[in-house]
Amino acid sequence: MAIISMKTIPLLILAICALIPSASLRAAERPPIKPNILHIHADDHRADGLHALGNAMLVTPNLDSLVERGMTFRHCYTMGSMVGAVCTPSRTMMLTGRSWLRIPGSPGAAPNAKDPATFLPRVLRTAGYQTWHMGKCGNGFPAGLAAFETTIRDDARGATPENDRAHCSQRLADGTIKFLKSRAAAHEEKPFYIYIAPPVPHDPRSAEPQFHKLYDPAQIRLSPAFMPLHPFDNGEMTVRDEKLAPWPRTEADTKQQHADYFACVTGLDHHVGRIFAELKACGQWDQTIIIFSGDNGLSLGEHGLFGKQNLYELGGMHVPLVIAGPGIPRGQSDALVYLMDLFPTLVELAGARVPAGIDGRSIVPILAGKQANVRDVLYTAYRDCQRAIRDKRWKLIRYPLVDRTQLFDLDADPHELMNLADKPEHKAKVAELTALLSREMAANADTSPLTVENPKPAEWTPPIPGSDAGKKARK
């Protein structure tokens, strides 16, 4: 039997260690495993647009499962828009991490704002991700979508199942599943960043027949905030979305629009479930962080409005945001966050470097339980006619062109039905929030005035069908 002296033991240990693969070394020396990222970003999706987010009428079991196992951010917003197509700046902010007046093409844009190397898909690709996009491209920041390795356009503007709106969620699921299967067949080891952008529930609201059958308009319960008309001119009363319903708004038409909207959401949920099933089948479910969000909200009859060109809580800028997956805790957060905060958040989760000039703030500290908030107040804006500021309880909306102010106590009045701005006991609160609004506007390069000389009359009369004004409204 050979005898090994004590002097030779250290040499043997070194020799053995030299033969051990690096993957077998202690965990602290291994490179971190990067999670896959699947982002589902719906079009015109209200912040309450899932059963699990508060709408008991909706059938959305698959997206509800994300709410049940992940973190829901109850107060997520897109910051603002300078155009009626709110989705354009919203998606641009999300893919660049820059605020609405600093995105590419804006007067306040940073020198590197147009550099594709600073767009989210390129940042993640540089960090070792395979990047893939399918869905809405129109009004979707084309330069950012071009930064994906693969981008497949599907705006659902055709008349056949190959390109119509009714089957768009099915096509997006088919395409995503095909991509996942191709990765499995090729034994692809890179993590993926999949961004699917369904063009629903944006109008025209058409889903597969089985989903429309689920919703009887007569059974739809309208919001307490439903009104036949908005009480004053908000500066954008006849924009495109507002012409999708008659004036004054009727309960019958509004219920039908809700039923069609719900059908599109349920159709999307069904096909998202197919993607989830494929993630499980190919062994990627437990390695994938899934984000569900929307680009902007939609009024659907609340306050007499139908579009997203307003600043009410369930109107234009408030959106859903749910994050679930490995390392993500279960629960809800009342933190005030923007969609553009997803940029540094996903970059941090991917272990990549955030480019210079990003305005979004990572919400990873909230997900990690290290802090409850990333900001104390949140400001939103629409063109030159509406500005708003809110904290956890109070909300102020300013309409400078007609010299109107609204103040809402969101705890007591979540539907924003009781304007407190003219109450003497709330004069100090109006002044406080107006000062905060001015501060946030200055911080975000917003030079639009909160007061104007010779404001217009606030009264507004709907255009009469057949009149010149009515014809212009319908164009």
Protein backbone atom coordinates (compact mmCIF):
# COMPACT_ATOMS: atom_id res chain seq x y z
CA MET A 1 0.00 0.00 0.00
CA ALA A 2 1.48 3.33 -1.05
CA ILE A 3 2.06 5.84 1.71
CA ILE A 4 1.52 9.56 0.97
CA SER A 5 3.52 11.93 3.08
CA MET A 6 1.93 15.05 4.57
CA LYS A 7 4.20 17.19 2.40
CA THR A 8 2.62 15.88 -0.80
CA ILE A 9 -1.03 16.48 0.21
CA PRO A 10 -1.12 20.19 -0.77
CA LEU A 11 0.32 19.31 -4.19
CA LEU A 12 -2.36 16.64 -4.70
CA ILE A 13 -5.12 19.08 -3.78
CA LEU A 14 -3.82 21.58 -6.34
CA ALA A 15 -3.66 18.88 -8.99
CA ILE A 16 -7.21 17.69 -8.29
CA CYS A 17 -8.57 21.24 -8.33
CA ALA A 18 -6.95 21.81 -11.71
CA LEU A 19 -9.03 18.94 -13.10
CA ILE A 20 -12.37 20.18 -11.67
CA PRO A 21 -14.47 22.14 -14.24
CA SER A 22 -15.07 25.76 -13.35
CA ALA A 23 -18.82 25.02 -13.06
CA SER A 24 -18.02 22.79 -10.08
CA LEU A 25 -16.32 25.55 -8.11
CA ARG A 26 -18.16 27.17 -5.25
CA ALA A 27 -21.25 29.18 -6.16
CA ALA A 28 -19.64 32.52 -5.34
CA GLU A 29 -17.23 32.01 -8.24
CA ARG A 30 -19.89 31.08 -10.82
CA PRO A 31 -21.27 33.70 -13.18
CA PRO A 32 -24.85 34.61 -12.17
CA ILE A 33 -27.63 32.88 -14.10
CA LYS A 34 -29.53 35.53 -16.03
CA PRO A 35 -33.32 35.17 -16.11
CA ASN A 36 -35.34 35.06 -19.29
CA ILE A 37 -37.67 38.05 -19.73
CA LEU A 38 -41.14 37.85 -21.32
CA HIS A 39 -42.94 41.18 -21.58
CA ILE A 40 -46.61 41.25 -22.64
CA HIS A 41 -47.55 44.88 -23.39
CA ALA A 42 -51.20 45.36 -24.33
CA ASP A 43 -52.77 48.26 -26.24
CA ASP A 44 -55.27 50.56 -24.43
CA HIS A 45 -55.44 48.20 -21.45
CA ARG A 46 -57.10 49.74 -18.40
CA ALA A 47 -55.41 49.52 -15.01
CA ASP A 48 -58.38 47.48 -13.71
CA GLY A 49 -58.52 45.33 -16.84
CA LEU A 50 -58.16 41.87 -15.28
CA HIS A 51 -60.41 39.93 -12.94
CA ALA A 52 -57.62 39.89 -10.35
CA LEU A 53 -57.13 43.64 -10.70
CA GLY A 54 -60.66 44.42 -9.59
CA ASN A 55 -63.01 43.79 -12.51
CA ALA A 56 -65.22 40.91 -11.41
CA MET A 57 -66.90 40.73 -14.83
CA LEU A 58 -63.71 39.75 -16.66
CA VAL A 59 -62.58 36.18 -17.32
CA THR A 60 -58.77 36.25 -17.24
CA PRO A 61 -57.45 33.16 -15.41
CA ASN A 62 -53.99 33.10 -16.99
CA LEU A 63 -53.01 36.71 -16.41
CA ASP A 64 -54.67 36.47 -13.00
CA SER A 65 -52.13 33.76 -12.17
CA LEU A 66 -49.37 36.36 -12.54
CA VAL A 67 -51.14 38.60 -10.05
CA GLU A 68 -51.50 35.69 -7.64
CA ARG A 69 -47.82 34.70 -7.71
CA GLY A 70 -46.10 38.02 -8.46
CA MET A 71 -45.97 41.70 -7.56
CA THR A 72 -48.70 44.08 -8.72
CA PHE A 73 -47.90 47.78 -8.93
CA ARG A 74 -51.27 49.43 -8.37
CA HIS A 75 -50.10 52.92 -9.28
CA CYS A 76 -48.18 52.71 -12.56
CA TYR A 77 -48.53 55.42 -15.22
CA THR A 78 -47.20 56.61 -18.52
CA MET A 79 -45.94 60.13 -17.95
CA GLY A 80 -47.61 62.08 -20.74
CA SER A 81 -48.26 62.69 -24.40
CA MET A 82 -47.91 65.55 -26.84
CA VAL A 83 -50.19 63.80 -29.36
CA GLY A 84 -53.58 62.10 -29.36
CA ALA A 85 -51.92 58.74 -30.05
CA VAL A 86 -50.76 58.40 -26.44
CA CYS A 87 -49.24 55.00 -27.23
CA THR A 88 -46.45 56.57 -29.31
CA PRO A 89 -44.63 58.49 -26.57
CA SER A 90 -45.60 55.84 -24.03
CA ARG A 91 -43.86 53.01 -25.87
CA THR A 92 -40.94 55.26 -26.72
CA MET A 93 -40.45 56.16 -23.06
CA MET A 94 -40.55 52.49 -22.08
CA LEU A 95 -37.96 51.39 -24.66
CA THR A 96 -35.63 54.34 -24.01
CA GLY A 97 -36.10 54.97 -20.29
CA ARG A 98 -36.47 58.68 -21.01
CA SER A 99 -39.29 60.99 -19.94
CA TRP A 100 -41.90 62.29 -22.38
CA LEU A 101 -40.12 65.55 -23.26
CA ARG A 102 -36.68 63.90 -23.50
CA ILE A 103 -37.47 61.00 -25.83
CA PRO A 104 -35.91 60.95 -29.32
CA GLY A 105 -37.28 63.79 -31.43
CA SER A 106 -38.24 65.99 -28.49
CA PRO A 107 -36.67 69.44 -28.02
CA GLY A 108 -35.15 68.35 -24.70
CA ALA A 109 -33.73 65.07 -25.99
CA ALA A 110 -30.24 64.18 -24.80
CA PRO A 111 -27.37 64.07 -27.35
CA ASN A 112 -27.39 60.25 -27.32
CA ALA A 113 -31.20 59.91 -27.32
CA LYS A 114 -31.27 58.54 -30.89
CA ASP A 115 -28.42 56.08 -30.36
CA PRO A 116 -29.83 52.52 -30.73
CA ALA A 117 -27.12 51.31 -28.34
CA THR A 118 -29.09 53.03 -25.57
CA PHE A 119 -32.45 51.37 -26.44
CA LEU A 120 -33.60 48.53 -24.20
CA PRO A 121 -33.39 45.66 -26.75
CA ARG A 122 -29.83 46.63 -27.72
CA VAL A 123 -28.74 47.02 -24.09
CA LEU A 124 -30.05 43.55 -23.28
CA ARG A 125 -28.58 42.07 -26.47
CA THR A 126 -25.18 43.46 -25.50
CA ALA A 127 -25.66 41.79 -22.13
CA GLY A 128 -25.99 38.41 -23.84
CA TYR A 129 -29.75 38.16 -24.48
CA GLN A 130 -31.48 36.88 -27.58
CA THR A 131 -34.06 39.59 -28.36
CA TRP A 132 -37.35 38.95 -30.16
CA HIS A 133 -40.45 41.10 -30.77
CA MET A 134 -43.81 40.46 -32.37
CA GLY A 135 -46.93 42.61 -32.54
CA LYS A 136 -47.84 46.25 -32.85
CA CYS A 137 -45.35 48.41 -34.74
CA GLY A 138 -47.51 51.36 -35.79
CA ASN A 139 -47.23 54.09 -33.14
CA GLY A 140 -44.76 51.78 -31.44
CA PHE A 141 -41.35 53.55 -31.73
CA PRO A 142 -40.01 51.92 -34.93
CA ALA A 143 -36.37 52.75 -34.17
CA GLY A 144 -36.60 50.89 -30.89
CA LEU A 145 -38.27 47.87 -32.48
CA ALA A 146 -35.56 47.80 -35.15
CA ALA A 147 -33.03 47.28 -32.35
CA PHE A 148 -34.38 43.76 -31.73
CA GLU A 149 -32.59 40.91 -33.43
CA THR A 150 -35.97 39.80 -34.76
CA THR A 151 -39.10 41.93 -35.03
CA ILE A 152 -42.30 40.64 -36.65
CA ARG A 153 -44.94 43.23 -37.45
CA ASP A 154 -48.58 42.43 -36.77
CA ASP A 155 -50.79 45.51 -36.51
CA ALA A 156 -53.93 43.44 -37.21
CA ARG A 157 -55.23 45.67 -39.97
CA GLY A 158 -56.27 43.08 -42.52
CA ALA A 159 -59.48 41.25 -43.42
CA THR A 160 -58.43 37.59 -43.22
CA PRO A 161 -57.36 35.32 -40.30
CA GLU A 162 -53.77 35.84 -41.47
CA ASN A 163 -53.87 39.54 -40.58
CA ASP A 164 -57.26 40.45 -39.07
CA ARG A 165 -57.82 41.78 -35.56
CA ALA A 166 -60.04 38.96 -34.30
CA HIS A 167 -57.20 36.42 -34.53
CA CYS A 168 -54.26 38.70 -33.63
CA SER A 169 -53.79 37.26 -30.13
CA GLN A 170 -53.76 33.75 -31.60
CA ARG A 171 -51.10 34.75 -34.14
CA LEU A 172 -48.92 36.32 -31.44
CA ALA A 173 -49.14 33.17 -29.35
CA ASP A 174 -48.40 30.98 -32.40
CA GLY A 175 -45.35 33.08 -33.25
CA THR A 176 -44.03 33.13 -29.70
CA ILE A 177 -44.50 29.39 -29.28
CA LYS A 178 -42.70 28.75 -32.57
CA PHE A 179 -39.80 30.89 -31.38
CA LEU A 180 -39.59 29.02 -28.06
CA LYS A 181 -39.66 25.67 -29.84
CA SER A 182 -36.91 26.77 -32.23
CA ARG A 183 -34.71 27.72 -29.28
CA ALA A 184 -35.29 24.34 -27.65
CA ALA A 185 -34.50 22.49 -30.89
CA ALA A 186 -31.29 24.48 -31.30
CA HIS A 187 -30.33 24.00 -27.62
CA GLU A 188 -30.00 27.78 -27.34
CA GLU A 189 -28.35 28.68 -24.04
CA LYS A 190 -28.67 32.45 -24.23
CA PRO A 191 -31.43 33.93 -22.09
CA PHE A 192 -34.23 35.55 -24.08
CA TYR A 193 -35.97 38.91 -23.98
CA ILE A 194 -39.36 38.48 -25.67
CA TYR A 195 -41.50 41.57 -26.15
CA ILE A 196 -44.98 40.83 -27.49
CA ALA A 197 -47.22 43.79 -28.21
CA PRO A 198 -50.81 42.68 -28.93
CA PRO A 199 -52.83 45.39 -30.72
CA VAL A 200 -55.83 44.66 -28.46
CA PRO A 201 -58.02 45.66 -26.67
CA HIS A 202 -57.61 48.82 -28.80
CA ASP A 203 -60.49 49.42 -31.19
CA PRO A 204 -61.84 48.12 -33.48
CA ARG A 205 -62.68 45.62 -30.75
CA SER A 206 -62.95 42.28 -32.46
CA ALA A 207 -62.16 38.90 -30.93
CA GLU A 208 -62.87 35.30 -31.87
CA PRO A 209 -66.61 34.53 -31.60
CA GLN A 210 -66.32 32.29 -28.55
CA PHE A 211 -65.00 35.20 -26.50
CA HIS A 212 -67.73 37.63 -27.57
CA LYS A 213 -70.31 35.03 -26.48
CA LEU A 214 -69.06 35.30 -22.91
CA TYR A 215 -70.30 38.86 -22.47
CA ASP A 216 -73.93 39.95 -22.68
CA PRO A 217 -74.05 43.77 -22.91
CA ALA A 218 -77.29 43.78 -20.90
CA GLN A 219 -75.43 42.25 -17.95
CA ILE A 220 -72.57 44.78 -17.96
CA ARG A 221 -72.45 47.00 -14.87
CA LEU A 222 -71.20 50.50 -15.65
CA SER A 223 -68.82 52.43 -13.43
CA PRO A 224 -70.23 54.92 -10.90
CA ALA A 225 -68.24 57.48 -12.90
CA PHE A 226 -70.29 56.95 -16.08
CA MET A 227 -71.66 60.28 -17.35
CA PRO A 228 -73.53 61.30 -20.51
CA LEU A 229 -71.16 64.26 -20.97
CA HIS A 230 -67.97 65.61 -19.48
CA PRO A 231 -68.89 68.67 -17.39
CA PHE A 232 -66.55 71.09 -19.20
CA ASP A 233 -64.14 71.45 -22.12
CA ASN A 234 -60.96 69.59 -21.22
CA GLY A 235 -59.17 70.80 -24.35
CA GLU A 236 -59.57 67.59 -26.38
CA MET A 237 -63.29 66.88 -26.55
CA THR A 238 -63.55 65.65 -30.15
CA VAL A 239 -60.25 63.81 -30.58
CA ARG A 240 -60.46 60.50 -32.48
CA ASP A 241 -61.29 58.23 -29.54
CA GLU A 242 -64.12 60.49 -28.38
CA LYS A 243 -65.86 60.07 -31.74
CA LEU A 244 -66.33 56.33 -31.17
CA ALA A 245 -69.54 56.97 -29.22
CA PRO A 246 -72.52 59.27 -29.66
CA TRP A 247 -73.11 62.46 -27.66
CA PRO A 248 -74.59 62.36 -25.14
CA ARG A 249 -73.20 58.98 -24.15
CA THR A 250 -75.84 56.28 -23.75
CA GLU A 251 -75.82 53.32 -21.37
CA ALA A 252 -76.69 50.87 -24.16
CA ASP A 253 -73.82 51.91 -26.42
CA THR A 254 -71.37 52.08 -23.50
CA LYS A 255 -72.32 48.57 -22.33
CA GLN A 256 -71.82 47.20 -25.84
CA GLN A 257 -68.38 48.79 -26.04
CA HIS A 258 -67.49 47.28 -22.67
CA ALA A 259 -68.64 43.83 -23.81
CA ASP A 260 -66.47 44.03 -26.94
CA TYR A 261 -63.52 45.31 -24.91
CA PHE A 262 -63.87 42.45 -22.42
CA ALA A 263 -64.00 39.90 -25.24
CA CYS A 264 -60.67 41.14 -26.58
CA VAL A 265 -59.08 40.97 -23.12
CA THR A 266 -60.33 37.42 -22.53
CA GLY A 267 -59.14 36.34 -25.98
CA LEU A 268 -55.70 37.74 -25.21
CA ASP A 269 -55.68 35.96 -21.85
CA HIS A 270 -56.57 32.63 -23.46
CA HIS A 271 -53.67 32.78 -25.90
CA VAL A 272 -51.26 34.06 -23.25
CA GLY A 273 -52.12 30.84 -21.43
CA ARG A 274 -50.85 28.87 -24.43
CA ILE A 275 -47.51 30.71 -24.19
CA PHE A 276 -47.32 29.91 -20.48
CA ALA A 277 -47.95 26.23 -21.25
CA GLU A 278 -45.10 26.19 -23.78
CA LEU A 279 -42.72 27.84 -21.30
CA LYS A 280 -43.49 25.00 -18.90
CA ALA A 281 -43.19 22.34 -21.60
CA CYS A 282 -39.75 23.52 -22.71
CA GLY A 283 -38.47 23.86 -19.14
CA GLN A 284 -38.18 27.66 -19.12
CA TRP A 285 -41.07 28.60 -16.81
CA ASP A 286 -39.02 28.71 -13.61
CA GLN A 287 -36.27 30.74 -15.28
CA THR A 288 -38.55 33.41 -16.80
CA ILE A 289 -39.58 36.77 -15.38
CA ILE A 290 -42.95 37.73 -16.90
CA ILE A 291 -44.21 41.31 -17.10
CA PHE A 292 -47.76 42.26 -18.00
CA SER A 293 -48.48 45.93 -18.70
CA GLY A 294 -50.39 48.32 -20.96
CA ASP A 295 -49.30 51.40 -22.88
CA ASN A 296 -52.16 53.62 -21.64
CA GLY A 297 -55.60 53.42 -20.14
CA LEU A 298 -59.04 54.11 -21.61
CA SER A 299 -62.09 55.91 -20.19
CA LEU A 300 -64.89 53.83 -21.78
CA GLY A 301 -67.66 56.20 -20.67
CA GLU A 302 -66.27 57.36 -17.35
CA HIS A 303 -66.68 61.13 -16.90
CA GLY A 304 -68.44 61.16 -20.27
CA LEU A 305 -65.18 60.31 -22.06
CA PHE A 306 -64.15 57.31 -24.14
CA GLY A 307 -60.47 57.85 -24.94
CA LYS A 308 -57.10 58.05 -23.25
CA GLN A 309 -56.59 61.78 -23.85
CA ASN A 310 -57.27 62.77 -20.23
CA LEU A 311 -55.68 62.51 -16.80
CA TYR A 312 -58.33 60.76 -14.72
CA GLU A 313 -57.15 57.75 -12.72
CA LEU A 314 -58.91 55.22 -14.96
CA GLY A 315 -58.63 57.40 -18.04
CA GLY A 316 -55.48 57.92 -20.04
CA MET A 317 -52.23 57.49 -18.14
CA HIS A 318 -52.88 54.85 -15.46
CA VAL A 319 -51.83 51.38 -16.62
CA PRO A 320 -51.56 47.83 -15.25
CA LEU A 321 -48.16 46.50 -14.21
CA VAL A 322 -47.61 42.99 -12.88
CA ILE A 323 -44.21 41.29 -12.53
CA ALA A 324 -43.83 37.60 -11.66
CA GLY A 325 -41.08 35.01 -11.82
CA PRO A 326 -37.89 33.85 -10.10
CA GLY A 327 -36.90 36.12 -7.23
CA ILE A 328 -40.05 38.25 -7.48
CA PRO A 329 -42.07 38.37 -4.24
CA ARG A 330 -45.85 37.98 -4.03
CA GLY A 331 -47.96 40.97 -3.11
CA GLN A 332 -49.01 44.48 -4.07
CA SER A 333 -47.18 47.79 -4.05
CA ASP A 334 -48.68 51.26 -3.79
CA ALA A 335 -45.45 52.86 -5.01
CA LEU A 336 -45.87 55.60 -7.62
CA VAL A 337 -44.05 54.33 -10.70
CA TYR A 338 -43.83 55.06 -14.43
CA LEU A 339 -43.65 52.65 -17.34
CA MET A 340 -40.22 54.09 -18.15
CA ASP A 341 -39.03 52.66 -14.80
CA LEU A 342 -39.16 49.24 -16.48
CA PHE A 343 -36.07 50.16 -18.50
CA PRO A 344 -33.56 50.36 -15.63
CA THR A 345 -35.44 47.62 -13.76
CA LEU A 346 -35.06 45.04 -16.54
CA VAL A 347 -31.49 46.12 -17.21
CA GLU A 348 -30.64 45.61 -13.53
CA LEU A 349 -32.40 42.23 -13.37
CA ALA A 350 -30.39 41.20 -16.44
CA GLY A 351 -27.12 42.23 -14.81
CA ALA A 352 -26.45 44.83 -17.51
CA ARG A 353 -25.30 48.44 -17.35
CA VAL A 354 -27.82 51.29 -17.50
CA PRO A 355 -26.85 53.85 -20.19
CA ALA A 356 -26.34 57.51 -19.33
CA GLY A 357 -29.29 59.89 -19.62
CA ILE A 358 -32.01 57.55 -18.34
CA ASP A 359 -34.86 59.21 -16.42
CA GLY A 360 -36.59 56.03 -15.23
CA ARG A 361 -35.82 54.71 -11.76
CA SER A 362 -35.24 51.04 -11.05
CA ILE A 363 -37.95 49.39 -8.95
CA VAL A 364 -35.66 46.48 -8.04
CA PRO A 365 -35.24 47.94 -4.51
CA ILE A 366 -39.02 47.66 -4.09
CA LEU A 367 -39.02 44.09 -5.41
CA ALA A 368 -36.17 43.27 -3.04
CA GLY A 369 -38.04 44.71 -0.07
CA LYS A 370 -35.34 47.31 0.57
CA GLN A 371 -37.59 50.34 0.10
CA ALA A 372 -41.28 51.10 -0.38
CA ASN A 373 -41.06 53.93 -2.93
CA VAL A 374 -38.88 55.43 -5.63
CA ARG A 375 -40.68 58.84 -5.65
CA ASP A 376 -43.06 60.78 -3.41
CA VAL A 377 -45.27 62.34 -6.08
CA LEU A 378 -46.14 61.56 -9.67
CA TYR A 379 -46.93 64.02 -12.47
CA THR A 380 -48.77 63.40 -15.73
CA ALA A 381 -49.46 65.61 -18.73
CA TYR A 382 -51.44 65.78 -21.94
CA ARG A 383 -50.53 68.26 -24.67
CA ASP A 384 -50.83 71.88 -23.48
CA CYS A 385 -54.31 71.49 -22.05
CA GLN A 386 -53.99 69.19 -19.02
CA ARG A 387 -51.51 68.72 -16.16
CA ALA A 388 -51.84 66.61 -13.02
CA ILE A 389 -49.98 65.75 -9.84
CA ARG A 390 -50.77 63.11 -7.24
CA ASP A 391 -49.37 61.64 -4.07
CA LYS A 392 -50.63 58.59 -2.21
CA ARG A 393 -53.92 60.32 -1.32
CA TRP A 394 -54.49 63.59 -3.17
CA LYS A 395 -54.81 64.37 -6.88
CA LEU A 396 -54.87 67.78 -8.59
CA ILE A 397 -55.70 68.26 -12.28
CA ARG A 398 -55.14 71.63 -13.91
CA TYR A 399 -56.78 72.75 -17.20
CA PRO A 400 -54.94 76.00 -18.04
CA LEU A 401 -56.74 76.76 -21.32
CA VAL A 402 -60.10 77.05 -19.55
CA ASP A 403 -58.78 78.04 -16.09
CA ARG A 404 -60.25 75.02 -14.29
CA THR A 405 -58.76 73.04 -11.40
CA GLN A 406 -59.90 69.76 -9.90
CA LEU A 407 -58.87 68.37 -6.51
CA PHE A 408 -59.76 64.83 -5.48
CA ASP A 409 -59.29 62.90 -2.25
CA LEU A 410 -58.56 59.51 -3.81
CA ASP A 411 -58.95 57.63 -0.54
CA ALA A 412 -62.51 58.85 -0.07
CA ASP A 413 -63.36 59.34 -3.75
CA PRO A 414 -61.51 56.84 -5.98
CA HIS A 415 -63.82 57.55 -8.95
CA GLU A 416 -63.02 61.30 -8.83
CA LEU A 417 -66.62 62.45 -8.60
CA MET A 418 -66.32 65.21 -5.98
CA ASN A 419 -64.18 68.20 -6.94
CA LEU A 420 -62.85 69.85 -3.78
CA ALA A 421 -60.79 72.56 -5.46
CA ASP A 422 -63.24 75.39 -4.71
CA LYS A 423 -63.82 74.40 -1.08
CA PRO A 424 -62.30 77.02 1.29
CA GLU A 425 -61.01 74.31 3.63
CA HIS A 426 -58.90 72.84 0.78
CA LYS A 427 -57.34 76.09 -0.44
CA ALA A 428 -54.00 75.24 1.20
CA LYS A 429 -53.98 71.75 -0.36
CA VAL A 430 -54.58 73.23 -3.83
CA ALA A 431 -51.67 75.63 -3.32
CA GLU A 432 -49.41 72.86 -2.03
CA LEU A 433 -50.12 70.53 -4.94
CA THR A 434 -49.88 73.33 -7.51
CA ALA A 435 -46.41 74.14 -6.20
CA LEU A 436 -45.45 70.47 -6.40
CA LEU A 437 -46.81 70.31 -9.95
CA SER A 438 -44.69 73.31 -10.96
CA ARG A 439 -41.64 71.67 -9.43
CA GLU A 440 -42.18 68.39 -11.29
CA MET A 441 -42.82 70.20 -14.56
CA ALA A 442 -39.55 72.09 -14.22
CA ALA A 443 -37.69 68.87 -13.38
CA ASN A 444 -39.06 67.27 -16.55
CA ALA A 445 -38.38 70.17 -18.95
CA ASP A 446 -42.11 71.02 -19.15
CA THR A 447 -42.45 74.74 -19.88
CA SER A 448 -46.19 74.76 -20.64
CA PRO A 449 -47.92 77.45 -18.52
CA LEU A 450 -50.42 76.56 -15.82
CA THR A 451 -52.28 79.83 -16.45
CA VAL A 452 -52.93 81.63 -19.74
CA GLU A 453 -54.16 85.06 -20.69
CA ASN A 454 -57.75 85.17 -21.86
CA PRO A 455 -58.71 81.52 -21.14
CA LYS A 456 -61.50 80.05 -23.25
CA PRO A 457 -64.99 79.49 -21.83
CA ALA A 458 -65.14 76.15 -20.05
CA GLU A 459 -68.67 75.35 -21.24
CA TRP A 460 -68.88 72.87 -24.07
CA THR A 461 -71.70 71.69 -26.33
CA PRO A 462 -71.38 68.47 -28.34
CA PRO A 463 -71.41 68.87 -32.11
CA ILE A 464 -74.82 68.32 -33.66
CA PRO A 465 -74.87 65.38 -36.15
CA GLY A 466 -75.09 66.72 -39.69
CA SER A 467 -73.75 70.17 -38.79
CA ASP A 468 -70.40 71.46 -40.02
CA ALA A 469 -69.00 70.98 -36.52
CA GLY A 470 -70.44 67.47 -36.41
CA LYS A 471 -68.85 66.60 -39.76
CA LYS A 472 -65.47 67.90 -38.56
CA ALA A 473 -65.79 65.89 -35.36
CA ARG A 474 -66.29 62.69 -37.33
CA LYS A 475 -63.22 63.15 -39.51
